[in-house]
Amino acid sequence: MKIIYISFRDYTALPFVEELRSRGAEAEYVGVPASHRMIAGSLQALSIPKDALVILEGQAAWFVYALRARLSLARHGYLVRLEGDPFTEAAENPQPFRTAWDMVLRTGLGGSNGIIHVSNYLKTVVAGRVPRTIHRVVHNGVDIREFSPAAGSEPDYTSLIGPKDNNLDVVTLMNFDIPRKLNAFADVAESLSRLSSGFDFRLWLIGDGPYRDRVAQILGGVKNVRFVGAIPRSLVPRVLPMFDIFFYPSSLDAYPNSILEASSCGLPILASCTGGIPEQVDHGRTGFLMTDTPKQVYPYLKQLIENGRLRSEFGRSARKKAESEFNWEANRREFVRTVLELTDST
């Protein structure tokens, strides 16, 4: 049996592919563009052998749509690795596309051998919409050697951000790609403005997406906010440990990888209590979870800005949590076990 793993994120897919190969499986990784418009074209030339198991990670609706005829020929069927809620993302489309994509999702996901979710939250949401298949959870992991407090590079940080001075640097690392996810920035803008008037800190936003300008407009009245834009993936583990606080306001997130990476780098986390984020952050131990973001962002961020000892305690606990719960080694093994289980059950 040949396993074909299709994804647009090599850093989440390749650890699983490598683990499959280490177990003796014939596994091929197929990387595709993140752009919806380019997915179908990039998959047109893909050959799927009859004796194959296909794993689709990421853009589930587009993958199923582009490969629907050939997936039915794969003797061992296909699995879907979900990292986000495709139904919520589909709901962002205008009609009649919204109804059409909902149908594609229900048919495509329901026809799979099983769905491997990135979080328990996602499993709960999707299982209610697609009851006809098997649902399992395997969390994403992080390379704790690559993302480490010791991996920080001051020269790389200086070239990207500027000299590391006495200012406290807060960082947000995310994709600005889903409007509903970004609603939380409107909830924090006023509190950030108040805090910036009384404390010397800078907020750096790393990432890109079609709605970055909308976030920039929302935060336009906040002092010392800087948009860095997208940076090379290889640079992330070298600059992330140099920041003081990781800040992740969001209205919708299944299981953001950047929180895993920040935790592994030993940063204290301040994040919205939404989606799968409570599975990543232990409130009061590795950071703060905002159950009421508009009311809580000011006191929680103020505590972290003022209390260096608390930042250090949270950061050390976040690193320990990453080592024990987010380590790729254990997650890779669990993924392979789940793939074999779902394949044997068909």
C-alpha atoms as a PDB file:
ATOM      1  CA  MET A   1       0.000   0.000   0.000  1.00  0.00           C
ATOM      2  CA  LYS A   2       1.280   3.456  -0.941  1.00  0.00           C
ATOM      3  CA  ILE A   3       0.337   6.418   1.217  1.00  0.00           C
ATOM      4  CA  ILE A   4      -0.005   9.793  -0.516  1.00  0.00           C
ATOM      5  CA  TYR A   5      -0.062  12.745   1.894  1.00  0.00           C
ATOM      6  CA  ILE A   6      -1.353  15.993   0.352  1.00  0.00           C
ATOM      7  CA  SER A   7      -0.965  19.304   2.194  1.00  0.00           C
ATOM      8  CA  PHE A   8      -0.031  22.959   1.696  1.00  0.00           C
ATOM      9  CA  ARG A   9       1.919  23.112   4.987  1.00  0.00           C
ATOM     10  CA  ASP A  10       5.067  21.045   4.848  1.00  0.00           C
ATOM     11  CA  TYR A  11       6.033  21.864   8.435  1.00  0.00           C
ATOM     12  CA  THR A  12       2.927  20.115   9.787  1.00  0.00           C
ATOM     13  CA  ALA A  13       2.758  17.316   7.198  1.00  0.00           C
ATOM     14  CA  LEU A  14       6.386  16.230   6.852  1.00  0.00           C
ATOM     15  CA  PRO A  15       6.841  15.037  10.467  1.00  0.00           C
ATOM     16  CA  PHE A  16       3.945  12.617   9.925  1.00  0.00           C
ATOM     17  CA  VAL A  17       5.282  11.505   6.537  1.00  0.00           C
ATOM     18  CA  GLU A  18       8.719  10.894   8.045  1.00  0.00           C
ATOM     19  CA  GLU A  19       7.206   8.821  10.836  1.00  0.00           C
ATOM     20  CA  LEU A  20       5.255   6.723   8.325  1.00  0.00           C
ATOM     21  CA  ARG A  21       8.457   6.085   6.380  1.00  0.00           C
ATOM     22  CA  SER A  22      10.317   5.145   9.564  1.00  0.00           C
ATOM     23  CA  ARG A  23       7.700   2.445  10.106  1.00  0.00           C
ATOM     24  CA  GLY A  24       8.428   0.992   6.679  1.00  0.00           C
ATOM     25  CA  ALA A  25       5.499   2.569   4.828  1.00  0.00           C
ATOM     26  CA  GLU A  26       5.866   3.805   1.271  1.00  0.00           C
ATOM     27  CA  ALA A  27       4.792   7.407   1.837  1.00  0.00           C
ATOM     28  CA  GLU A  28       4.887  10.271  -0.643  1.00  0.00           C
ATOM     29  CA  TYR A  29       4.384  13.915   0.263  1.00  0.00           C
ATOM     30  CA  VAL A  30       2.609  16.135  -2.268  1.00  0.00           C
ATOM     31  CA  GLY A  31       2.841  19.839  -1.504  1.00  0.00           C
ATOM     32  CA  VAL A  32       0.263  22.132  -3.060  1.00  0.00           C
ATOM     33  CA  PRO A  33      -0.129  25.936  -3.139  1.00  0.00           C
ATOM     34  CA  ALA A  34      -2.117  27.544  -0.353  1.00  0.00           C
ATOM     35  CA  SER A  35      -4.133  29.504  -2.907  1.00  0.00           C
ATOM     36  CA  HIS A  36      -7.605  28.056  -3.463  1.00  0.00           C
ATOM     37  CA  ARG A  37      -7.476  28.977  -7.131  1.00  0.00           C
ATOM     38  CA  MET A  38      -4.245  27.070  -7.722  1.00  0.00           C
ATOM     39  CA  ILE A  39      -5.082  23.844  -5.874  1.00  0.00           C
ATOM     40  CA  ALA A  40      -7.175  22.208  -8.594  1.00  0.00           C
ATOM     41  CA  GLY A  41      -4.600  22.924 -11.270  1.00  0.00           C
ATOM     42  CA  SER A  42      -1.698  21.632  -9.199  1.00  0.00           C
ATOM     43  CA  LEU A  43      -3.508  18.337  -8.559  1.00  0.00           C
ATOM     44  CA  GLN A  44      -4.581  17.676 -12.152  1.00  0.00           C
ATOM     45  CA  ALA A  45      -1.379  15.810 -12.975  1.00  0.00           C
ATOM     46  CA  LEU A  46      -1.311  13.838  -9.708  1.00  0.00           C
ATOM     47  CA  SER A  47      -1.391  10.091 -10.250  1.00  0.00           C
ATOM     48  CA  ILE A  48      -3.133   8.040  -7.558  1.00  0.00           C
ATOM     49  CA  PRO A  49      -2.330   4.302  -7.753  1.00  0.00           C
ATOM     50  CA  LYS A  50      -5.157   1.868  -7.166  1.00  0.00           C
ATOM     51  CA  ASP A  51      -3.314   0.364  -4.199  1.00  0.00           C
ATOM     52  CA  ALA A  52      -3.182   3.679  -2.354  1.00  0.00           C
ATOM     53  CA  LEU A  53      -4.348   5.427   0.786  1.00  0.00           C
ATOM     54  CA  VAL A  54      -4.686   9.191   0.386  1.00  0.00           C
ATOM     55  CA  ILE A  55      -4.405  11.603   3.319  1.00  0.00           C
ATOM     56  CA  LEU A  56      -5.748  15.120   2.738  1.00  0.00           C
ATOM     57  CA  GLU A  57      -4.568  17.807   5.138  1.00  0.00           C
ATOM     58  CA  GLY A  58      -5.728  21.394   5.189  1.00  0.00           C
ATOM     59  CA  GLN A  59      -7.969  22.659   2.409  1.00  0.00           C
ATOM     60  CA  ALA A  60     -10.348  19.701   2.679  1.00  0.00           C
ATOM     61  CA  ALA A  61     -13.162  21.064   0.512  1.00  0.00           C
ATOM     62  CA  TRP A  62     -10.852  21.988  -2.363  1.00  0.00           C
ATOM     63  CA  PHE A  63      -8.903  18.729  -2.187  1.00  0.00           C
ATOM     64  CA  VAL A  64     -12.030  16.595  -2.226  1.00  0.00           C
ATOM     65  CA  TYR A  65     -13.510  18.646  -5.047  1.00  0.00           C
ATOM     66  CA  ALA A  66     -10.344  18.500  -7.184  1.00  0.00           C
ATOM     67  CA  LEU A  67      -9.752  14.778  -6.617  1.00  0.00           C
ATOM     68  CA  ARG A  68     -13.315  13.479  -6.220  1.00  0.00           C
ATOM     69  CA  ALA A  69     -13.229  11.185  -9.261  1.00  0.00           C
ATOM     70  CA  ARG A  70      -9.788   9.703  -8.556  1.00  0.00           C
ATOM     71  CA  LEU A  71     -10.297   9.269  -4.793  1.00  0.00           C
ATOM     72  CA  SER A  72     -13.019   6.718  -5.523  1.00  0.00           C
ATOM     73  CA  LEU A  73     -10.422   4.573  -7.361  1.00  0.00           C
ATOM     74  CA  ALA A  74      -8.043   4.333  -4.384  1.00  0.00           C
ATOM     75  CA  ARG A  75      -8.500   0.857  -2.949  1.00  0.00           C
ATOM     76  CA  HIS A  76      -7.725   1.923   0.614  1.00  0.00           C
ATOM     77  CA  GLY A  77      -9.807   5.094   0.438  1.00  0.00           C
ATOM     78  CA  TYR A  78      -8.812   8.391   1.988  1.00  0.00           C
ATOM     79  CA  LEU A  79      -8.418  10.078   5.359  1.00  0.00           C
ATOM     80  CA  VAL A  80      -8.867  13.770   6.121  1.00  0.00           C
ATOM     81  CA  ARG A  81      -6.604  15.651   8.525  1.00  0.00           C
ATOM     82  CA  LEU A  82      -8.546  18.722   9.668  1.00  0.00           C
ATOM     83  CA  GLU A  83      -6.674  21.718  11.111  1.00  0.00           C
ATOM     84  CA  GLY A  84      -9.572  24.173  10.942  1.00  0.00           C
ATOM     85  CA  ASP A  85     -13.350  24.222  10.818  1.00  0.00           C
ATOM     86  CA  PRO A  86     -14.147  24.013   7.092  1.00  0.00           C
ATOM     87  CA  PHE A  87     -17.862  24.655   7.647  1.00  0.00           C
ATOM     88  CA  THR A  88     -17.203  27.978   9.348  1.00  0.00           C
ATOM     89  CA  GLU A  89     -14.735  28.927   6.609  1.00  0.00           C
ATOM     90  CA  ALA A  90     -17.277  27.930   3.926  1.00  0.00           C
ATOM     91  CA  ALA A  91     -19.892  30.101   5.625  1.00  0.00           C
ATOM     92  CA  GLU A  92     -17.777  33.152   4.773  1.00  0.00           C
ATOM     93  CA  ASN A  93     -18.702  32.654   1.100  1.00  0.00           C
ATOM     94  CA  PRO A  94     -21.739  34.364  -0.415  1.00  0.00           C
ATOM     95  CA  GLN A  95     -24.673  32.345  -1.680  1.00  0.00           C
ATOM     96  CA  PRO A  96     -25.038  30.170  -3.711  1.00  0.00           C
ATOM     97  CA  PHE A  97     -21.396  29.127  -3.130  1.00  0.00           C
ATOM     98  CA  ARG A  98     -21.988  28.706   0.602  1.00  0.00           C
ATOM     99  CA  THR A  99     -24.611  25.996   0.085  1.00  0.00           C
ATOM    100  CA  ALA A 100     -22.552  24.324  -2.639  1.00  0.00           C
ATOM    101  CA  TRP A 101     -19.426  24.107  -0.490  1.00  0.00           C
ATOM    102  CA  ASP A 102     -21.416  22.855   2.466  1.00  0.00           C
ATOM    103  CA  MET A 103     -22.653  20.006   0.271  1.00  0.00           C
ATOM    104  CA  VAL A 104     -19.124  19.263  -0.998  1.00  0.00           C
ATOM    105  CA  LEU A 105     -17.868  19.136   2.574  1.00  0.00           C
ATOM    106  CA  ARG A 106     -20.608  16.865   3.889  1.00  0.00           C
ATOM    107  CA  THR A 107     -20.218  14.478   0.942  1.00  0.00           C
ATOM    108  CA  GLY A 108     -16.425  14.538   0.870  1.00  0.00           C
ATOM    109  CA  LEU A 109     -15.824  14.255   4.597  1.00  0.00           C
ATOM    110  CA  GLY A 110     -18.584  11.697   5.002  1.00  0.00           C
ATOM    111  CA  GLY A 111     -17.057   9.518   2.292  1.00  0.00           C
ATOM    112  CA  SER A 112     -13.675   9.305   4.027  1.00  0.00           C
ATOM    113  CA  ASN A 113     -12.389   6.385   6.101  1.00  0.00           C
ATOM    114  CA  GLY A 114     -12.166   8.835   8.977  1.00  0.00           C
ATOM    115  CA  ILE A 115     -11.292  12.357  10.042  1.00  0.00           C
ATOM    116  CA  ILE A 116      -8.248  13.063  12.200  1.00  0.00           C
ATOM    117  CA  HIS A 117      -8.862  16.352  14.009  1.00  0.00           C
ATOM    118  CA  VAL A 118      -6.209  18.667  15.360  1.00  0.00           C
ATOM    119  CA  SER A 119      -8.187  19.346  18.571  1.00  0.00           C
ATOM    120  CA  ASN A 120     -11.028  17.995  20.672  1.00  0.00           C
ATOM    121  CA  TYR A 121     -12.900  21.218  20.004  1.00  0.00           C
ATOM    122  CA  LEU A 122     -12.763  20.618  16.252  1.00  0.00           C
ATOM    123  CA  LYS A 123     -13.891  17.029  16.636  1.00  0.00           C
ATOM    124  CA  THR A 124     -16.959  18.138  18.608  1.00  0.00           C
ATOM    125  CA  VAL A 125     -17.893  20.758  16.016  1.00  0.00           C
ATOM    126  CA  VAL A 126     -17.424  18.627  12.903  1.00  0.00           C
ATOM    127  CA  ALA A 127     -18.718  15.307  14.226  1.00  0.00           C
ATOM    128  CA  GLY A 128     -22.157  16.853  14.582  1.00  0.00           C
ATOM    129  CA  ARG A 129     -22.121  17.884  10.917  1.00  0.00           C
ATOM    130  CA  VAL A 130     -20.593  14.653   9.571  1.00  0.00           C
ATOM    131  CA  PRO A 131     -21.876  11.753  11.685  1.00  0.00           C
ATOM    132  CA  ARG A 132     -21.318   9.061   9.030  1.00  0.00           C
ATOM    133  CA  THR A 133     -17.574   8.610   9.518  1.00  0.00           C
ATOM    134  CA  ILE A 134     -15.061   7.912  12.300  1.00  0.00           C
ATOM    135  CA  HIS A 135     -13.591  10.845  14.211  1.00  0.00           C
ATOM    136  CA  ARG A 136     -10.239  10.834  16.042  1.00  0.00           C
ATOM    137  CA  VAL A 137      -7.999  13.524  17.585  1.00  0.00           C
ATOM    138  CA  VAL A 138      -4.238  13.851  17.169  1.00  0.00           C
ATOM    139  CA  HIS A 139      -2.832  17.228  18.160  1.00  0.00           C
ATOM    140  CA  ASN A 140      -0.168  18.976  16.141  1.00  0.00           C
ATOM    141  CA  GLY A 141       3.238  19.142  17.738  1.00  0.00           C
ATOM    142  CA  VAL A 142       6.307  21.338  17.706  1.00  0.00           C
ATOM    143  CA  ASP A 143       9.999  20.621  17.284  1.00  0.00           C
ATOM    144  CA  ILE A 144      11.165  21.478  20.801  1.00  0.00           C
ATOM    145  CA  ARG A 145      14.808  21.537  19.692  1.00  0.00           C
ATOM    146  CA  GLU A 146      14.178  24.009  16.883  1.00  0.00           C
ATOM    147  CA  PHE A 147      11.766  26.159  18.907  1.00  0.00           C
ATOM    148  CA  SER A 148      13.696  26.682  22.104  1.00  0.00           C
ATOM    149  CA  PRO A 149      14.478  29.588  24.451  1.00  0.00           C
ATOM    150  CA  ALA A 150      18.123  29.071  23.528  1.00  0.00           C
ATOM    151  CA  ALA A 151      17.447  29.361  19.781  1.00  0.00           C
ATOM    152  CA  GLY A 152      16.932  33.125  19.837  1.00  0.00           C
ATOM    153  CA  SER A 153      19.270  35.117  17.609  1.00  0.00           C
ATOM    154  CA  GLU A 154      19.831  38.758  18.504  1.00  0.00           C
ATOM    155  CA  PRO A 155      21.311  39.604  15.064  1.00  0.00           C
ATOM    156  CA  ASP A 156      18.230  38.158  13.318  1.00  0.00           C
ATOM    157  CA  TYR A 157      15.951  39.944  15.754  1.00  0.00           C
ATOM    158  CA  THR A 158      17.772  43.237  15.246  1.00  0.00           C
ATOM    159  CA  SER A 159      17.609  42.963  11.459  1.00  0.00           C
ATOM    160  CA  LEU A 160      13.862  42.305  11.597  1.00  0.00           C
ATOM    161  CA  ILE A 161      12.683  44.373  14.565  1.00  0.00           C
ATOM    162  CA  GLY A 162      15.527  46.652  15.550  1.00  0.00           C
ATOM    163  CA  PRO A 163      17.815  46.825  18.592  1.00  0.00           C
ATOM    164  CA  LYS A 164      16.596  45.050  21.718  1.00  0.00           C
ATOM    165  CA  ASP A 165      16.301  47.995  24.113  1.00  0.00           C
ATOM    166  CA  ASN A 166      14.475  48.578  27.394  1.00  0.00           C
ATOM    167  CA  ASN A 167      11.050  48.441  25.780  1.00  0.00           C
ATOM    168  CA  LEU A 168       8.995  45.355  26.428  1.00  0.00           C
ATOM    169  CA  ASP A 169       8.100  43.607  23.166  1.00  0.00           C
ATOM    170  CA  VAL A 170       4.780  41.825  22.712  1.00  0.00           C
ATOM    171  CA  VAL A 171       4.274  39.698  19.602  1.00  0.00           C
ATOM    172  CA  THR A 172       1.307  38.297  17.689  1.00  0.00           C
ATOM    173  CA  LEU A 173       2.010  35.660  15.043  1.00  0.00           C
ATOM    174  CA  MET A 174      -1.005  34.686  12.927  1.00  0.00           C
ATOM    175  CA  ASN A 175      -2.544  34.557   9.478  1.00  0.00           C
ATOM    176  CA  PHE A 176      -4.952  37.419   8.824  1.00  0.00           C
ATOM    177  CA  ASP A 177      -7.136  35.313   6.559  1.00  0.00           C
ATOM    178  CA  ILE A 178     -10.564  34.697   8.150  1.00  0.00           C
ATOM    179  CA  PRO A 179     -12.724  37.761   8.958  1.00  0.00           C
ATOM    180  CA  ARG A 180     -14.567  36.084  11.806  1.00  0.00           C
ATOM    181  CA  LYS A 181     -11.294  35.145  13.511  1.00  0.00           C
ATOM    182  CA  LEU A 182     -10.126  38.751  13.477  1.00  0.00           C
ATOM    183  CA  ASN A 183     -13.166  40.234  15.221  1.00  0.00           C
ATOM    184  CA  ALA A 184     -11.285  39.977  18.503  1.00  0.00           C
ATOM    185  CA  PHE A 185      -8.976  42.834  17.506  1.00  0.00           C
ATOM    186  CA  ALA A 186     -11.918  45.234  17.766  1.00  0.00           C
ATOM    187  CA  ASP A 187     -12.405  43.934  21.315  1.00  0.00           C
ATOM    188  CA  VAL A 188      -8.819  44.696  22.367  1.00  0.00           C
ATOM    189  CA  ALA A 189      -8.140  47.985  20.554  1.00  0.00           C
ATOM    190  CA  GLU A 190      -9.388  50.307  23.317  1.00  0.00           C
ATOM    191  CA  SER A 191      -7.539  48.447  26.077  1.00  0.00           C
ATOM    192  CA  LEU A 192      -4.328  48.386  24.049  1.00  0.00           C
ATOM    193  CA  SER A 193      -4.634  52.131  23.511  1.00  0.00           C
ATOM    194  CA  ARG A 194      -5.027  52.719  27.268  1.00  0.00           C
ATOM    195  CA  LEU A 195      -2.079  50.459  28.048  1.00  0.00           C
ATOM    196  CA  SER A 196       0.155  52.090  25.454  1.00  0.00           C
ATOM    197  CA  SER A 197      -0.428  55.452  27.099  1.00  0.00           C
ATOM    198  CA  GLY A 198       0.807  54.253  30.469  1.00  0.00           C
ATOM    199  CA  PHE A 199       3.463  51.655  29.679  1.00  0.00           C
ATOM    200  CA  ASP A 200       6.469  51.402  27.395  1.00  0.00           C
ATOM    201  CA  PHE A 201       5.746  48.369  25.283  1.00  0.00           C
ATOM    202  CA  ARG A 202       5.598  47.620  21.588  1.00  0.00           C
ATOM    203  CA  LEU A 203       3.195  45.278  19.832  1.00  0.00           C
ATOM    204  CA  TRP A 204       4.593  43.516  16.775  1.00  0.00           C
ATOM    205  CA  LEU A 205       2.219  41.667  14.436  1.00  0.00           C
ATOM    206  CA  ILE A 206       3.893  39.035  12.268  1.00  0.00           C
ATOM    207  CA  GLY A 207       1.926  37.446   9.443  1.00  0.00           C
ATOM    208  CA  ASP A 208      -0.025  38.321   6.369  1.00  0.00           C
ATOM    209  CA  GLY A 209      -3.356  37.721   4.698  1.00  0.00           C
ATOM    210  CA  PRO A 210      -6.156  39.442   2.830  1.00  0.00           C
ATOM    211  CA  TYR A 211      -7.518  41.109   5.980  1.00  0.00           C
ATOM    212  CA  ARG A 212      -4.296  42.492   7.411  1.00  0.00           C
ATOM    213  CA  ASP A 213      -5.245  46.024   6.376  1.00  0.00           C
ATOM    214  CA  ARG A 214      -8.532  45.671   8.259  1.00  0.00           C
ATOM    215  CA  VAL A 215      -6.643  44.819  11.447  1.00  0.00           C
ATOM    216  CA  ALA A 216      -4.267  47.724  10.822  1.00  0.00           C
ATOM    217  CA  GLN A 217      -7.247  50.050  10.570  1.00  0.00           C
ATOM    218  CA  ILE A 218      -8.744  48.704  13.811  1.00  0.00           C
ATOM    219  CA  LEU A 219      -5.455  49.223  15.667  1.00  0.00           C
ATOM    220  CA  GLY A 220      -4.710  52.554  13.993  1.00  0.00           C
ATOM    221  CA  GLY A 221      -5.198  54.504  17.219  1.00  0.00           C
ATOM    222  CA  VAL A 222      -2.819  52.368  19.293  1.00  0.00           C
ATOM    223  CA  LYS A 223       0.708  53.679  19.795  1.00  0.00           C
ATOM    224  CA  ASN A 224       3.733  51.529  19.025  1.00  0.00           C
ATOM    225  CA  VAL A 225       1.923  48.917  16.931  1.00  0.00           C
ATOM    226  CA  ARG A 226       4.043  47.606  14.067  1.00  0.00           C
ATOM    227  CA  PHE A 227       3.066  45.232  11.247  1.00  0.00           C
ATOM    228  CA  VAL A 228       6.059  43.155  10.224  1.00  0.00           C
ATOM    229  CA  GLY A 229       4.284  41.136   7.536  1.00  0.00           C
ATOM    230  CA  ALA A 230       5.131  37.586   6.588  1.00  0.00           C
ATOM    231  CA  ILE A 231       8.641  36.365   7.393  1.00  0.00           C
ATOM    232  CA  PRO A 232      10.508  33.254   6.201  1.00  0.00           C
ATOM    233  CA  ARG A 233       9.517  30.152   8.121  1.00  0.00           C
ATOM    234  CA  SER A 234      13.163  29.487   8.987  1.00  0.00           C
ATOM    235  CA  LEU A 235      13.381  32.846  10.759  1.00  0.00           C
ATOM    236  CA  VAL A 236      10.487  32.241  13.183  1.00  0.00           C
ATOM    237  CA  PRO A 237      12.358  30.063  15.738  1.00  0.00           C
ATOM    238  CA  ARG A 238      15.275  32.514  15.726  1.00  0.00           C
ATOM    239  CA  VAL A 239      13.257  35.634  16.536  1.00  0.00           C
ATOM    240  CA  LEU A 240      10.304  34.319  18.561  1.00  0.00           C
ATOM    241  CA  PRO A 241      12.327  33.629  21.767  1.00  0.00           C
ATOM    242  CA  MET A 242      13.538  37.242  21.766  1.00  0.00           C
ATOM    243  CA  PHE A 243      10.072  38.635  22.523  1.00  0.00           C
ATOM    244  CA  ASP A 244       8.683  39.046  26.046  1.00  0.00           C
ATOM    245  CA  ILE A 245       4.977  38.136  25.715  1.00  0.00           C
ATOM    246  CA  PHE A 246       2.981  36.188  23.141  1.00  0.00           C
ATOM    247  CA  PHE A 247      -0.429  37.775  22.508  1.00  0.00           C
ATOM    248  CA  TYR A 248      -3.132  35.941  20.556  1.00  0.00           C
ATOM    249  CA  PRO A 249      -6.559  37.613  20.421  1.00  0.00           C
ATOM    250  CA  SER A 250      -8.917  35.573  18.271  1.00  0.00           C
ATOM    251  CA  SER A 251     -12.615  34.929  17.830  1.00  0.00           C
ATOM    252  CA  LEU A 252     -12.139  31.596  16.051  1.00  0.00           C
ATOM    253  CA  ASP A 253      -9.257  29.115  16.116  1.00  0.00           C
ATOM    254  CA  ALA A 254      -9.137  25.327  16.102  1.00  0.00           C
ATOM    255  CA  TYR A 255      -5.545  24.908  17.322  1.00  0.00           C
ATOM    256  CA  PRO A 256      -3.067  27.619  16.297  1.00  0.00           C
ATOM    257  CA  ASN A 257       0.453  26.326  15.696  1.00  0.00           C
ATOM    258  CA  SER A 258       1.962  29.647  16.723  1.00  0.00           C
ATOM    259  CA  ILE A 259       0.841  29.115  20.344  1.00  0.00           C
ATOM    260  CA  LEU A 260       2.679  25.769  20.384  1.00  0.00           C
ATOM    261  CA  GLU A 261       5.788  27.451  19.007  1.00  0.00           C
ATOM    262  CA  ALA A 262       5.649  30.375  21.451  1.00  0.00           C
ATOM    263  CA  SER A 263       5.167  27.973  24.366  1.00  0.00           C
ATOM    264  CA  SER A 264       8.146  25.910  23.230  1.00  0.00           C
ATOM    265  CA  CYS A 265      10.206  29.109  23.074  1.00  0.00           C
ATOM    266  CA  GLY A 266       9.341  29.810  26.709  1.00  0.00           C
ATOM    267  CA  LEU A 267       7.041  32.795  26.220  1.00  0.00           C
ATOM    268  CA  PRO A 268       4.116  33.558  28.549  1.00  0.00           C
ATOM    269  CA  ILE A 269       0.851  33.348  26.615  1.00  0.00           C
ATOM    270  CA  LEU A 270      -2.104  35.747  26.647  1.00  0.00           C
ATOM    271  CA  ALA A 271      -4.830  34.360  24.393  1.00  0.00           C
ATOM    272  CA  SER A 272      -8.561  34.353  23.858  1.00  0.00           C
ATOM    273  CA  CYS A 273     -10.370  31.378  25.357  1.00  0.00           C
ATOM    274  CA  THR A 274     -11.904  30.165  22.115  1.00  0.00           C
ATOM    275  CA  GLY A 275     -11.905  27.015  19.988  1.00  0.00           C
ATOM    276  CA  GLY A 276      -9.042  24.651  20.769  1.00  0.00           C
ATOM    277  CA  ILE A 277      -6.837  27.251  22.482  1.00  0.00           C
ATOM    278  CA  PRO A 278      -7.796  26.048  26.015  1.00  0.00           C
ATOM    279  CA  GLU A 279      -6.194  22.717  25.035  1.00  0.00           C
ATOM    280  CA  GLN A 280      -2.900  24.602  24.567  1.00  0.00           C
ATOM    281  CA  VAL A 281      -2.804  27.086  27.448  1.00  0.00           C
ATOM    282  CA  ASP A 282      -3.158  26.334  31.167  1.00  0.00           C
ATOM    283  CA  HIS A 283      -4.769  29.420  32.677  1.00  0.00           C
ATOM    284  CA  GLY A 284      -2.725  30.805  35.546  1.00  0.00           C
ATOM    285  CA  ARG A 285       0.174  28.419  34.871  1.00  0.00           C
ATOM    286  CA  THR A 286       1.461  28.939  31.314  1.00  0.00           C
ATOM    287  CA  GLY A 287      -0.407  32.174  30.686  1.00  0.00           C
ATOM    288  CA  PHE A 288      -3.824  33.787  30.809  1.00  0.00           C
ATOM    289  CA  LEU A 289      -6.955  32.781  28.897  1.00  0.00           C
ATOM    290  CA  MET A 290      -9.422  35.590  28.234  1.00  0.00           C
ATOM    291  CA  THR A 291     -12.973  34.292  28.599  1.00  0.00           C
ATOM    292  CA  ASP A 292     -14.234  37.873  28.237  1.00  0.00           C
ATOM    293  CA  THR A 293     -11.649  39.471  25.982  1.00  0.00           C
ATOM    294  CA  PRO A 294     -12.864  43.118  26.076  1.00  0.00           C
ATOM    295  CA  LYS A 295     -12.866  43.170  29.887  1.00  0.00           C
ATOM    296  CA  GLN A 296      -9.846  40.985  30.603  1.00  0.00           C
ATOM    297  CA  VAL A 297      -7.208  42.050  28.093  1.00  0.00           C
ATOM    298  CA  TYR A 298      -6.327  45.185  30.075  1.00  0.00           C
ATOM    299  CA  PRO A 299      -5.780  43.619  33.548  1.00  0.00           C
ATOM    300  CA  TYR A 300      -4.084  40.471  32.216  1.00  0.00           C
ATOM    301  CA  LEU A 301      -1.694  42.262  29.870  1.00  0.00           C
ATOM    302  CA  LYS A 302      -0.993  44.868  32.545  1.00  0.00           C
ATOM    303  CA  GLN A 303       0.030  42.111  34.967  1.00  0.00           C
ATOM    304  CA  LEU A 304       2.382  40.587  32.430  1.00  0.00           C
ATOM    305  CA  ILE A 305       3.897  43.946  31.526  1.00  0.00           C
ATOM    306  CA  GLU A 306       4.497  44.939  35.160  1.00  0.00           C
ATOM    307  CA  ASN A 307       5.542  41.577  36.609  1.00  0.00           C
ATOM    308  CA  GLY A 308       8.744  40.177  35.168  1.00  0.00           C
ATOM    309  CA  ARG A 309       8.768  37.315  37.659  1.00  0.00           C
ATOM    310  CA  LEU A 310       5.298  36.226  36.529  1.00  0.00           C
ATOM    311  CA  ARG A 311       6.414  36.321  32.897  1.00  0.00           C
ATOM    312  CA  SER A 312       9.366  34.102  33.735  1.00  0.00           C
ATOM    313  CA  GLU A 313       7.241  31.627  35.716  1.00  0.00           C
ATOM    314  CA  PHE A 314       4.644  31.362  32.961  1.00  0.00           C
ATOM    315  CA  GLY A 315       7.385  31.033  30.336  1.00  0.00           C
ATOM    316  CA  ARG A 316       9.132  28.184  32.150  1.00  0.00           C
ATOM    317  CA  SER A 317       5.821  26.359  32.632  1.00  0.00           C
ATOM    318  CA  ALA A 318       4.928  26.891  28.970  1.00  0.00           C
ATOM    319  CA  ARG A 319       8.236  25.337  27.926  1.00  0.00           C
ATOM    320  CA  LYS A 320       7.658  22.328  30.201  1.00  0.00           C
ATOM    321  CA  LYS A 321       4.159  21.870  28.770  1.00  0.00           C
ATOM    322  CA  ALA A 322       5.600  21.941  25.252  1.00  0.00           C
ATOM    323  CA  GLU A 323       8.199  19.334  26.170  1.00  0.00           C
ATOM    324  CA  SER A 324       5.667  16.971  27.747  1.00  0.00           C
ATOM    325  CA  GLU A 325       2.537  17.514  25.620  1.00  0.00           C
ATOM    326  CA  PHE A 326       3.462  19.181  22.326  1.00  0.00           C
ATOM    327  CA  ASN A 327       6.597  17.216  21.447  1.00  0.00           C
ATOM    328  CA  TRP A 328       6.435  16.030  17.830  1.00  0.00           C
ATOM    329  CA  GLU A 329       7.909  12.631  18.730  1.00  0.00           C
ATOM    330  CA  ALA A 330       4.857  11.452  20.694  1.00  0.00           C
ATOM    331  CA  ASN A 331       2.381  13.107  18.327  1.00  0.00           C
ATOM    332  CA  ARG A 332       3.950  11.451  15.295  1.00  0.00           C
ATOM    333  CA  ARG A 333       3.628   8.005  16.821  1.00  0.00           C
ATOM    334  CA  GLU A 334       0.002   8.621  17.769  1.00  0.00           C
ATOM    335  CA  PHE A 335      -0.760   9.804  14.245  1.00  0.00           C
ATOM    336  CA  VAL A 336       0.646   6.654  12.634  1.00  0.00           C
ATOM    337  CA  ARG A 337      -1.235   4.461  15.101  1.00  0.00           C
ATOM    338  CA  THR A 338      -4.459   6.298  14.215  1.00  0.00           C
ATOM    339  CA  VAL A 339      -3.854   6.029  10.470  1.00  0.00           C
ATOM    340  CA  LEU A 340      -3.317   2.280  10.756  1.00  0.00           C
ATOM    341  CA  GLU A 341      -6.419   1.921  12.919  1.00  0.00           C
ATOM    342  CA  LEU A 342      -8.622   3.799  10.473  1.00  0.00           C
ATOM    343  CA  THR A 343      -7.164   1.935   7.510  1.00  0.00           C
ATOM    344  CA  ASP A 344      -7.725  -1.477   9.136  1.00  0.00           C
ATOM    345  CA  SER A 345     -11.313  -0.561  10.028  1.00  0.00           C
ATOM    346  CA  THR A 346     -12.342  -0.077   6.388  1.00  0.00           C
END
